[in-house]
Amino acid sequence: MRTCKIDGCNNPVFGGGVCRYHGYTRHMKGGDLFKPKNNTAVTLSPKSNTKIPKESKTRKKQGKTYKEVKDELRAELKAEGKYDCFFCTDPMGEEKGFHHLKGRDGDNFIDKRWLVPGHNQCHVWDYHHLCVEQLLQFPWYQGFLTRLKNKDPKLLREELKKQEKSGLIFDDEDELFN
């Protein structure tokens, strides 16, 4: 009786030189039944049976405009000497990141009024990835809330809603700033 070709296994062969227990190795890379997966999968529209683009035509057009708007806004802020991070207020230096105060949907995506510069560390890694309790630990967060209030009080209320959801409830906005 033939035994499994895997070292140390004395089980009888089932197929392809291996026992039932080691049969999975035949489907692993390098095995006799291994077939590489076809990575050319394309998402097709159910109605027209055509490829769905990664970006809509409108968003692609906005993307070109967005780059121009960012460059223009950056130049304006540098000329005014106001090219500072909206979060921590330190100079931006060579960083080019922007935060969308009112989100990235619709016209807010390219509206200069709602674009503010932000360091990658402050904006992405701190503001977007940390919970409210952790954000409150940062010395810049209170100033950020004040700047948000000056920009648009509705934006401050949205930020305060996040705090309410996390269990940090403030009865009055003034209580937060004292």
N, C-alpha and C. Protein backbone atom coordinates (compact mmCIF):
# COMPACT_ATOMS: atom_id res chain seq x y z
N MET A 1 0.84 -1.16 0.00
CA MET A 1 0.00 0.00 0.00
C MET A 1 0.90 1.24 0.00
N ARG A 2 0.54 2.19 -0.89
CA ARG A 2 1.30 3.43 -0.96
C ARG A 2 0.86 4.36 0.16
N THR A 3 1.81 5.14 0.67
CA THR A 3 1.49 6.10 1.73
C THR A 3 1.66 7.53 1.21
N CYS A 4 1.11 8.46 1.94
CA CYS A 4 1.12 9.89 1.59
C CYS A 4 2.55 10.40 1.39
N LYS A 5 2.73 11.28 0.38
CA LYS A 5 4.07 11.78 0.07
C LYS A 5 4.51 12.91 1.02
N ILE A 6 3.63 13.38 1.90
CA ILE A 6 4.00 14.40 2.88
C ILE A 6 4.86 13.74 3.96
N ASP A 7 6.03 14.37 4.27
CA ASP A 7 6.96 13.80 5.27
C ASP A 7 6.27 13.54 6.60
N GLY A 8 6.47 12.37 7.13
CA GLY A 8 5.96 11.99 8.44
C GLY A 8 4.53 11.47 8.42
N CYS A 9 3.87 11.43 7.27
CA CYS A 9 2.49 10.96 7.19
C CYS A 9 2.48 9.54 6.63
N ASN A 10 1.84 8.62 7.35
CA ASN A 10 1.77 7.23 6.92
C ASN A 10 0.36 6.81 6.51
N ASN A 11 -0.50 7.79 6.26
CA ASN A 11 -1.86 7.49 5.83
C ASN A 11 -1.85 6.99 4.38
N PRO A 12 -2.84 6.18 4.02
CA PRO A 12 -2.89 5.68 2.65
C PRO A 12 -3.21 6.81 1.65
N VAL A 13 -2.68 6.66 0.45
CA VAL A 13 -2.87 7.66 -0.60
C VAL A 13 -4.33 7.66 -1.04
N PHE A 14 -4.85 8.86 -1.23
CA PHE A 14 -6.23 9.01 -1.71
C PHE A 14 -6.23 9.46 -3.17
N GLY A 15 -5.39 10.44 -3.51
CA GLY A 15 -5.31 10.93 -4.88
C GLY A 15 -4.16 11.92 -5.00
N GLY A 16 -3.48 11.87 -6.14
CA GLY A 16 -2.39 12.80 -6.38
C GLY A 16 -1.20 12.59 -5.47
N GLY A 17 -1.09 11.40 -4.90
CA GLY A 17 0.05 11.08 -4.06
C GLY A 17 -0.09 11.52 -2.61
N VAL A 18 -1.27 12.06 -2.23
CA VAL A 18 -1.48 12.50 -0.84
C VAL A 18 -2.73 11.84 -0.26
N CYS A 19 -2.78 11.80 1.06
CA CYS A 19 -3.94 11.23 1.75
C CYS A 19 -5.09 12.24 1.77
N ARG A 20 -6.23 11.83 2.30
CA ARG A 20 -7.38 12.73 2.39
C ARG A 20 -7.06 13.94 3.28
N TYR A 21 -6.33 13.73 4.34
CA TYR A 21 -5.98 14.79 5.27
C TYR A 21 -5.15 15.87 4.58
N HIS A 22 -4.22 15.50 3.72
CA HIS A 22 -3.35 16.46 3.04
C HIS A 22 -3.83 16.80 1.63
N GLY A 23 -5.04 16.43 1.29
CA GLY A 23 -5.59 16.70 -0.03
C GLY A 23 -5.67 18.18 -0.37
N TYR A 24 -5.79 19.04 0.65
CA TYR A 24 -5.87 20.47 0.41
C TYR A 24 -4.61 21.00 -0.28
N THR A 25 -3.48 20.32 -0.11
CA THR A 25 -2.23 20.80 -0.70
C THR A 25 -2.26 20.74 -2.22
N ARG A 26 -3.12 19.92 -2.76
CA ARG A 26 -3.24 19.83 -4.22
C ARG A 26 -3.84 21.10 -4.80
N HIS A 27 -4.62 21.84 -4.00
CA HIS A 27 -5.26 23.06 -4.47
C HIS A 27 -4.43 24.31 -4.13
N MET A 28 -3.39 24.13 -3.35
CA MET A 28 -2.52 25.26 -3.00
C MET A 28 -1.60 25.58 -4.17
N LYS A 29 -1.01 26.77 -4.14
CA LYS A 29 -0.10 27.16 -5.22
C LYS A 29 1.02 26.13 -5.33
N GLY A 30 1.24 25.63 -6.53
CA GLY A 30 2.26 24.62 -6.76
C GLY A 30 1.68 23.21 -6.80
N GLY A 31 0.42 23.05 -6.35
CA GLY A 31 -0.22 21.74 -6.38
C GLY A 31 -0.73 21.41 -7.77
N ASP A 32 -1.04 20.10 -8.03
CA ASP A 32 -1.45 19.69 -9.36
C ASP A 32 -2.85 20.17 -9.74
N LEU A 33 -3.67 20.60 -8.78
CA LEU A 33 -5.01 21.09 -9.09
C LEU A 33 -5.11 22.62 -8.98
N PHE A 34 -3.98 23.25 -8.72
CA PHE A 34 -3.99 24.71 -8.54
C PHE A 34 -4.29 25.41 -9.85
N LYS A 35 -5.27 26.32 -9.82
CA LYS A 35 -5.60 27.15 -10.98
C LYS A 35 -5.60 28.60 -10.51
N PRO A 36 -4.75 29.43 -11.11
CA PRO A 36 -4.75 30.83 -10.69
C PRO A 36 -6.09 31.47 -11.00
N LYS A 37 -6.53 32.36 -10.10
CA LYS A 37 -7.81 33.02 -10.28
C LYS A 37 -7.68 34.08 -11.36
N ASN A 38 -8.73 34.22 -12.12
CA ASN A 38 -8.79 35.22 -13.17
C ASN A 38 -9.16 36.56 -12.53
N ASN A 39 -8.23 37.50 -12.51
CA ASN A 39 -8.45 38.80 -11.86
C ASN A 39 -9.01 39.84 -12.82
N THR A 40 -9.55 39.42 -13.91
CA THR A 40 -10.09 40.37 -14.87
C THR A 40 -11.60 40.55 -14.69
N ALA A 41 -12.07 40.34 -13.46
CA ALA A 41 -13.49 40.50 -13.20
C ALA A 41 -13.88 41.97 -13.38
N VAL A 42 -14.92 42.20 -14.12
CA VAL A 42 -15.40 43.55 -14.41
C VAL A 42 -16.84 43.63 -13.93
N THR A 43 -17.17 44.72 -13.24
CA THR A 43 -18.53 44.93 -12.80
C THR A 43 -19.34 45.47 -13.96
N LEU A 44 -20.42 44.77 -14.29
CA LEU A 44 -21.26 45.19 -15.40
C LEU A 44 -22.57 45.76 -14.91
N SER A 45 -23.05 46.76 -15.60
CA SER A 45 -24.34 47.34 -15.30
C SER A 45 -25.43 46.33 -15.61
N PRO A 46 -26.36 46.08 -14.68
CA PRO A 46 -27.40 45.10 -14.94
C PRO A 46 -28.34 45.51 -16.08
N LYS A 47 -28.52 46.82 -16.29
CA LYS A 47 -29.44 47.28 -17.33
C LYS A 47 -28.80 47.22 -18.72
N SER A 48 -27.64 47.85 -18.86
CA SER A 48 -27.05 47.95 -20.19
C SER A 48 -25.96 46.92 -20.46
N ASN A 49 -25.60 46.14 -19.44
CA ASN A 49 -24.57 45.12 -19.55
C ASN A 49 -23.23 45.71 -20.03
N THR A 50 -22.96 46.94 -19.58
CA THR A 50 -21.69 47.60 -19.91
C THR A 50 -20.88 47.79 -18.64
N LYS A 51 -19.60 48.01 -18.81
CA LYS A 51 -18.69 48.18 -17.67
C LYS A 51 -19.07 49.44 -16.89
N ILE A 52 -19.12 49.32 -15.56
CA ILE A 52 -19.39 50.46 -14.69
C ILE A 52 -18.06 51.15 -14.41
N PRO A 53 -17.94 52.44 -14.75
CA PRO A 53 -16.67 53.13 -14.51
C PRO A 53 -16.40 53.32 -13.02
N LYS A 54 -15.12 53.39 -12.65
CA LYS A 54 -14.76 53.60 -11.26
C LYS A 54 -15.18 55.00 -10.80
N GLU A 55 -15.19 55.92 -11.75
CA GLU A 55 -15.57 57.30 -11.46
C GLU A 55 -16.64 57.72 -12.46
N SER A 56 -17.65 58.41 -11.98
CA SER A 56 -18.67 58.90 -12.91
C SER A 56 -18.07 60.04 -13.74
N LYS A 57 -18.73 60.36 -14.86
CA LYS A 57 -18.25 61.44 -15.72
C LYS A 57 -18.23 62.76 -14.97
N THR A 58 -19.27 62.99 -14.16
CA THR A 58 -19.35 64.23 -13.39
C THR A 58 -18.21 64.32 -12.39
N ARG A 59 -17.94 63.22 -11.67
CA ARG A 59 -16.88 63.22 -10.67
C ARG A 59 -15.51 63.38 -11.33
N LYS A 60 -15.33 62.78 -12.50
CA LYS A 60 -14.07 62.90 -13.22
C LYS A 60 -13.84 64.37 -13.61
N LYS A 61 -14.90 65.03 -14.06
CA LYS A 61 -14.83 66.44 -14.42
C LYS A 61 -14.54 67.28 -13.17
N GLN A 62 -15.23 66.95 -12.07
CA GLN A 62 -15.00 67.66 -10.81
C GLN A 62 -13.58 67.46 -10.32
N GLY A 63 -13.02 66.28 -10.54
CA GLY A 63 -11.65 65.99 -10.10
C GLY A 63 -10.64 66.93 -10.73
N LYS A 64 -10.81 67.22 -12.01
CA LYS A 64 -9.91 68.16 -12.68
C LYS A 64 -10.10 69.55 -12.10
N THR A 65 -11.37 69.95 -11.92
CA THR A 65 -11.67 71.26 -11.35
C THR A 65 -11.15 71.35 -9.92
N TYR A 66 -11.30 70.27 -9.16
CA TYR A 66 -10.88 70.22 -7.76
C TYR A 66 -9.39 70.52 -7.64
N LYS A 67 -8.59 69.92 -8.50
CA LYS A 67 -7.15 70.17 -8.45
C LYS A 67 -6.86 71.65 -8.71
N GLU A 68 -7.54 72.23 -9.67
CA GLU A 68 -7.35 73.65 -9.97
C GLU A 68 -7.78 74.51 -8.79
N VAL A 69 -8.92 74.18 -8.20
CA VAL A 69 -9.44 74.94 -7.05
C VAL A 69 -8.47 74.86 -5.88
N LYS A 70 -7.95 73.66 -5.60
CA LYS A 70 -6.98 73.51 -4.50
C LYS A 70 -5.74 74.34 -4.74
N ASP A 71 -5.20 74.27 -5.96
CA ASP A 71 -3.99 75.03 -6.28
C ASP A 71 -4.24 76.53 -6.16
N GLU A 72 -5.38 76.97 -6.64
CA GLU A 72 -5.75 78.39 -6.56
C GLU A 72 -5.90 78.82 -5.10
N LEU A 73 -6.61 78.02 -4.30
CA LEU A 73 -6.83 78.33 -2.88
C LEU A 73 -5.51 78.35 -2.13
N ARG A 74 -4.64 77.38 -2.42
CA ARG A 74 -3.33 77.32 -1.78
C ARG A 74 -2.53 78.60 -2.07
N ALA A 75 -2.54 79.03 -3.34
CA ALA A 75 -1.82 80.24 -3.73
C ALA A 75 -2.39 81.47 -3.02
N GLU A 76 -3.71 81.56 -2.93
CA GLU A 76 -4.35 82.68 -2.24
C GLU A 76 -3.96 82.72 -0.77
N LEU A 77 -4.05 81.57 -0.11
CA LEU A 77 -3.73 81.50 1.32
C LEU A 77 -2.26 81.83 1.59
N LYS A 78 -1.37 81.36 0.72
CA LYS A 78 0.05 81.66 0.87
C LYS A 78 0.29 83.15 0.69
N ALA A 79 -0.37 83.76 -0.29
CA ALA A 79 -0.22 85.20 -0.54
C ALA A 79 -0.70 86.02 0.65
N GLU A 80 -1.77 85.57 1.30
CA GLU A 80 -2.31 86.27 2.47
C GLU A 80 -1.57 85.91 3.75
N GLY A 81 -0.68 84.92 3.69
CA GLY A 81 0.03 84.47 4.89
C GLY A 81 -0.84 83.68 5.82
N LYS A 82 -1.89 83.04 5.28
CA LYS A 82 -2.84 82.28 6.10
C LYS A 82 -2.83 80.79 5.75
N TYR A 83 -1.72 80.31 5.20
CA TYR A 83 -1.66 78.89 4.83
C TYR A 83 -1.24 78.06 6.04
N ASP A 84 -2.16 77.98 7.01
CA ASP A 84 -1.93 77.25 8.25
C ASP A 84 -2.95 76.12 8.37
N CYS A 85 -2.57 75.11 9.11
CA CYS A 85 -3.45 73.97 9.34
C CYS A 85 -4.70 74.43 10.10
N PHE A 86 -5.88 74.06 9.62
CA PHE A 86 -7.14 74.44 10.26
C PHE A 86 -7.29 73.76 11.62
N PHE A 87 -6.61 72.66 11.81
CA PHE A 87 -6.73 71.91 13.05
C PHE A 87 -5.79 72.44 14.13
N CYS A 88 -4.48 72.42 13.85
CA CYS A 88 -3.51 72.79 14.89
C CYS A 88 -2.95 74.21 14.72
N THR A 89 -3.25 74.89 13.65
CA THR A 89 -2.82 76.25 13.32
C THR A 89 -1.32 76.40 13.05
N ASP A 90 -0.58 75.31 12.95
CA ASP A 90 0.83 75.40 12.57
C ASP A 90 0.92 75.63 11.07
N PRO A 91 2.00 76.27 10.59
CA PRO A 91 2.15 76.48 9.15
C PRO A 91 2.14 75.14 8.40
N MET A 92 1.55 75.15 7.21
CA MET A 92 1.43 73.93 6.42
C MET A 92 2.75 73.49 5.79
N GLY A 93 3.66 74.42 5.54
CA GLY A 93 4.91 74.04 4.90
C GLY A 93 4.65 73.53 3.51
N GLU A 94 5.20 72.37 3.18
CA GLU A 94 5.06 71.80 1.84
C GLU A 94 3.86 70.85 1.72
N GLU A 95 3.16 70.59 2.83
CA GLU A 95 2.00 69.69 2.77
C GLU A 95 0.88 70.33 1.96
N LYS A 96 0.10 69.49 1.29
CA LYS A 96 -0.93 70.00 0.40
C LYS A 96 -2.32 69.47 0.71
N GLY A 97 -2.54 68.93 1.89
CA GLY A 97 -3.82 68.32 2.22
C GLY A 97 -4.90 69.34 2.52
N PHE A 98 -6.14 68.98 2.16
CA PHE A 98 -7.30 69.82 2.45
C PHE A 98 -8.40 68.98 3.06
N HIS A 99 -9.16 69.61 3.95
CA HIS A 99 -10.30 68.97 4.60
C HIS A 99 -11.57 69.60 4.04
N HIS A 100 -12.57 68.79 3.74
CA HIS A 100 -13.86 69.27 3.24
C HIS A 100 -14.79 69.43 4.44
N LEU A 101 -15.02 70.65 4.87
CA LEU A 101 -15.84 70.89 6.05
C LEU A 101 -17.27 70.39 5.89
N LYS A 102 -17.82 70.50 4.69
CA LYS A 102 -19.20 70.07 4.47
C LYS A 102 -19.28 68.77 3.67
N GLY A 103 -18.23 67.97 3.70
CA GLY A 103 -18.25 66.70 3.00
C GLY A 103 -17.81 66.83 1.55
N ARG A 104 -17.80 65.68 0.86
CA ARG A 104 -17.29 65.64 -0.51
C ARG A 104 -18.39 65.42 -1.53
N ASP A 105 -19.63 65.53 -1.11
CA ASP A 105 -20.71 65.26 -2.05
C ASP A 105 -21.16 66.54 -2.76
N GLY A 106 -21.65 66.38 -3.97
CA GLY A 106 -22.18 67.49 -4.74
C GLY A 106 -21.17 68.60 -4.98
N ASP A 107 -21.66 69.82 -4.92
CA ASP A 107 -20.81 70.99 -5.18
C ASP A 107 -19.86 71.30 -4.03
N ASN A 108 -20.11 70.74 -2.85
CA ASN A 108 -19.21 70.97 -1.71
C ASN A 108 -17.80 70.47 -2.01
N PHE A 109 -17.70 69.52 -2.93
CA PHE A 109 -16.41 68.93 -3.29
C PHE A 109 -15.45 69.97 -3.84
N ILE A 110 -15.98 70.96 -4.58
CA ILE A 110 -15.10 71.95 -5.22
C ILE A 110 -15.38 73.38 -4.75
N ASP A 111 -16.16 73.54 -3.68
CA ASP A 111 -16.48 74.87 -3.16
C ASP A 111 -15.37 75.35 -2.22
N LYS A 112 -14.70 76.43 -2.60
CA LYS A 112 -13.56 76.96 -1.84
C LYS A 112 -13.93 77.34 -0.41
N ARG A 113 -15.19 77.75 -0.20
CA ARG A 113 -15.60 78.18 1.15
C ARG A 113 -15.49 77.06 2.17
N TRP A 114 -15.64 75.82 1.72
CA TRP A 114 -15.67 74.68 2.64
C TRP A 114 -14.41 73.83 2.57
N LEU A 115 -13.37 74.33 1.91
CA LEU A 115 -12.08 73.66 1.87
C LEU A 115 -11.13 74.36 2.81
N VAL A 116 -10.51 73.62 3.69
CA VAL A 116 -9.53 74.20 4.61
C VAL A 116 -8.27 73.33 4.61
N PRO A 117 -7.09 73.96 4.70
CA PRO A 117 -5.86 73.17 4.72
C PRO A 117 -5.72 72.40 6.03
N GLY A 118 -5.08 71.25 5.95
CA GLY A 118 -4.86 70.45 7.16
C GLY A 118 -3.68 69.51 6.98
N HIS A 119 -2.82 69.44 8.01
CA HIS A 119 -1.72 68.48 7.98
C HIS A 119 -2.29 67.07 7.91
N ASN A 120 -1.59 66.19 7.26
CA ASN A 120 -2.03 64.79 7.18
C ASN A 120 -2.19 64.21 8.58
N GLN A 121 -1.25 64.48 9.47
CA GLN A 121 -1.31 63.92 10.82
C GLN A 121 -2.56 64.42 11.55
N CYS A 122 -2.79 65.72 11.53
CA CYS A 122 -3.94 66.29 12.24
C CYS A 122 -5.26 65.87 11.59
N HIS A 123 -5.32 66.00 10.29
CA HIS A 123 -6.56 65.79 9.55
C HIS A 123 -6.92 64.32 9.44
N VAL A 124 -6.07 63.54 8.80
CA VAL A 124 -6.42 62.15 8.52
C VAL A 124 -6.24 61.26 9.75
N TRP A 125 -5.03 61.26 10.30
CA TRP A 125 -4.73 60.29 11.36
C TRP A 125 -5.35 60.64 12.69
N ASP A 126 -5.46 61.90 13.01
CA ASP A 126 -6.07 62.26 14.29
C ASP A 126 -7.58 62.48 14.14
N TYR A 127 -7.97 63.47 13.35
CA TYR A 127 -9.39 63.85 13.28
C TYR A 127 -10.28 62.73 12.74
N HIS A 128 -9.90 62.11 11.65
CA HIS A 128 -10.79 61.11 11.03
C HIS A 128 -10.66 59.71 11.63
N HIS A 129 -9.56 59.38 12.27
CA HIS A 129 -9.38 58.01 12.76
C HIS A 129 -9.54 57.84 14.26
N LEU A 130 -9.61 58.92 15.01
CA LEU A 130 -9.72 58.79 16.46
C LEU A 130 -11.13 59.08 16.93
N CYS A 131 -11.49 58.54 18.08
CA CYS A 131 -12.82 58.79 18.63
C CYS A 131 -12.82 60.15 19.34
N VAL A 132 -14.00 60.64 19.66
CA VAL A 132 -14.16 61.97 20.24
C VAL A 132 -13.40 62.08 21.57
N GLU A 133 -13.44 61.04 22.38
CA GLU A 133 -12.74 61.09 23.66
C GLU A 133 -11.24 61.34 23.46
N GLN A 134 -10.67 60.71 22.44
CA GLN A 134 -9.26 60.90 22.15
C GLN A 134 -8.99 62.29 21.58
N LEU A 135 -9.90 62.77 20.74
CA LEU A 135 -9.73 64.11 20.16
C LEU A 135 -9.73 65.19 21.24
N LEU A 136 -10.56 65.01 22.26
CA LEU A 136 -10.62 66.00 23.34
C LEU A 136 -9.30 66.12 24.09
N GLN A 137 -8.43 65.12 23.98
CA GLN A 137 -7.13 65.15 24.64
C GLN A 137 -6.14 66.07 23.93
N PHE A 138 -6.39 66.34 22.64
CA PHE A 138 -5.46 67.16 21.86
C PHE A 138 -5.64 68.63 22.21
N PRO A 139 -4.52 69.34 22.38
CA PRO A 139 -4.63 70.76 22.73
C PRO A 139 -5.27 71.60 21.62
N TRP A 140 -5.19 71.16 20.37
CA TRP A 140 -5.74 71.94 19.27
C TRP A 140 -7.24 71.78 19.08
N TYR A 141 -7.85 70.78 19.73
CA TYR A 141 -9.25 70.47 19.43
C TYR A 141 -10.21 71.60 19.83
N GLN A 142 -10.02 72.22 20.99
CA GLN A 142 -10.89 73.33 21.40
C GLN A 142 -10.79 74.49 20.42
N GLY A 143 -9.57 74.80 19.98
CA GLY A 143 -9.39 75.86 18.98
C GLY A 143 -10.05 75.49 17.66
N PHE A 144 -9.98 74.24 17.31
CA PHE A 144 -10.63 73.75 16.09
C PHE A 144 -12.13 73.98 16.17
N LEU A 145 -12.73 73.69 17.34
CA LEU A 145 -14.16 73.90 17.51
C LEU A 145 -14.52 75.38 17.39
N THR A 146 -13.67 76.24 17.92
CA THR A 146 -13.91 77.69 17.82
C THR A 146 -13.83 78.13 16.37
N ARG A 147 -12.82 77.66 15.63
CA ARG A 147 -12.69 78.01 14.22
C ARG A 147 -13.88 77.47 13.42
N LEU A 148 -14.37 76.30 13.79
CA LEU A 148 -15.53 75.71 13.14
C LEU A 148 -16.76 76.57 13.39
N LYS A 149 -16.91 77.06 14.62
CA LYS A 149 -18.04 77.92 14.98
C LYS A 149 -17.99 79.22 14.19
N ASN A 150 -16.79 79.77 14.02
CA ASN A 150 -16.64 81.01 13.25
C ASN A 150 -16.93 80.80 11.77
N LYS A 151 -16.60 79.63 11.26
CA LYS A 151 -16.82 79.31 9.85
C LYS A 151 -18.32 79.13 9.58
N ASP A 152 -18.98 78.32 10.41
CA ASP A 152 -20.42 78.07 10.26
C ASP A 152 -20.92 77.37 11.53
N PRO A 153 -21.83 78.01 12.28
CA PRO A 153 -22.34 77.40 13.53
C PRO A 153 -22.98 76.03 13.33
N LYS A 154 -23.53 75.77 12.13
CA LYS A 154 -24.13 74.45 11.87
C LYS A 154 -23.06 73.36 11.92
N LEU A 155 -21.87 73.67 11.44
CA LEU A 155 -20.78 72.70 11.46
C LEU A 155 -20.39 72.37 12.91
N LEU A 156 -20.40 73.39 13.76
CA LEU A 156 -20.09 73.15 15.18
C LEU A 156 -21.14 72.24 15.79
N ARG A 157 -22.42 72.50 15.48
CA ARG A 157 -23.48 71.65 16.03
C ARG A 157 -23.32 70.20 15.59
N GLU A 158 -22.92 69.98 14.33
CA GLU A 158 -22.67 68.61 13.86
C GLU A 158 -21.55 67.95 14.65
N GLU A 159 -20.50 68.72 14.93
CA GLU A 159 -19.37 68.19 15.70
C GLU A 159 -19.82 67.87 17.13
N LEU A 160 -20.68 68.73 17.69
CA LEU A 160 -21.18 68.49 19.05
C LEU A 160 -22.09 67.27 19.10
N LYS A 161 -22.80 66.99 18.00
CA LYS A 161 -23.64 65.79 17.95
C LYS A 161 -22.78 64.53 18.10
N LYS A 162 -21.57 64.57 17.53
CA LYS A 162 -20.65 63.43 17.68
C LYS A 162 -20.33 63.23 19.16
N GLN A 163 -20.15 64.34 19.87
CA GLN A 163 -19.83 64.24 21.30
C GLN A 163 -21.02 63.70 22.08
N GLU A 164 -22.23 64.13 21.71
CA GLU A 164 -23.42 63.63 22.38
C GLU A 164 -23.56 62.12 22.17
N LYS A 165 -23.33 61.68 20.95
CA LYS A 165 -23.43 60.25 20.64
C LYS A 165 -22.43 59.44 21.44
N SER A 166 -21.28 60.03 21.72
CA SER A 166 -20.26 59.28 22.46
C SER A 166 -20.46 59.39 23.98
N GLY A 167 -21.53 60.09 24.39
CA GLY A 167 -21.82 60.19 25.82
C GLY A 167 -21.29 61.45 26.46
N LEU A 168 -20.64 62.31 25.72
CA LEU A 168 -20.13 63.57 26.24
C LEU A 168 -21.16 64.64 25.92
N ILE A 169 -22.03 64.95 26.86
CA ILE A 169 -23.14 65.84 26.58
C ILE A 169 -22.88 67.21 27.20
N PHE A 170 -23.05 68.25 26.38
CA PHE A 170 -22.92 69.62 26.83
C PHE A 170 -24.28 70.28 26.65
N ASP A 171 -24.83 70.85 27.75
CA ASP A 171 -26.14 71.48 27.69
C ASP A 171 -26.10 72.76 26.87
N ASP A 172 -24.95 73.40 26.88
CA ASP A 172 -24.84 74.70 26.26
C ASP A 172 -23.52 74.79 25.52
N GLU A 173 -23.53 75.42 24.35
CA GLU A 173 -22.29 75.58 23.60
C GLU A 173 -21.28 76.40 24.37
N ASP A 174 -21.79 77.40 25.15
CA ASP A 174 -20.88 78.27 25.91
C ASP A 174 -20.11 77.48 26.97
N GLU A 175 -20.78 76.44 27.51
CA GLU A 175 -20.12 75.58 28.52
C GLU A 175 -18.88 74.91 27.93
N LEU A 176 -18.95 74.59 26.65
CA LEU A 176 -17.85 73.93 25.98
C LEU A 176 -16.64 74.84 25.84
N PHE A 177 -16.87 76.14 25.65
CA PHE A 177 -15.79 77.07 25.38
C PHE A 177 -15.28 77.78 26.62
N ASN A 178 -15.80 77.44 27.80
CA ASN A 178 -15.30 78.07 29.05
C ASN A 178 -14.29 77.20 29.74
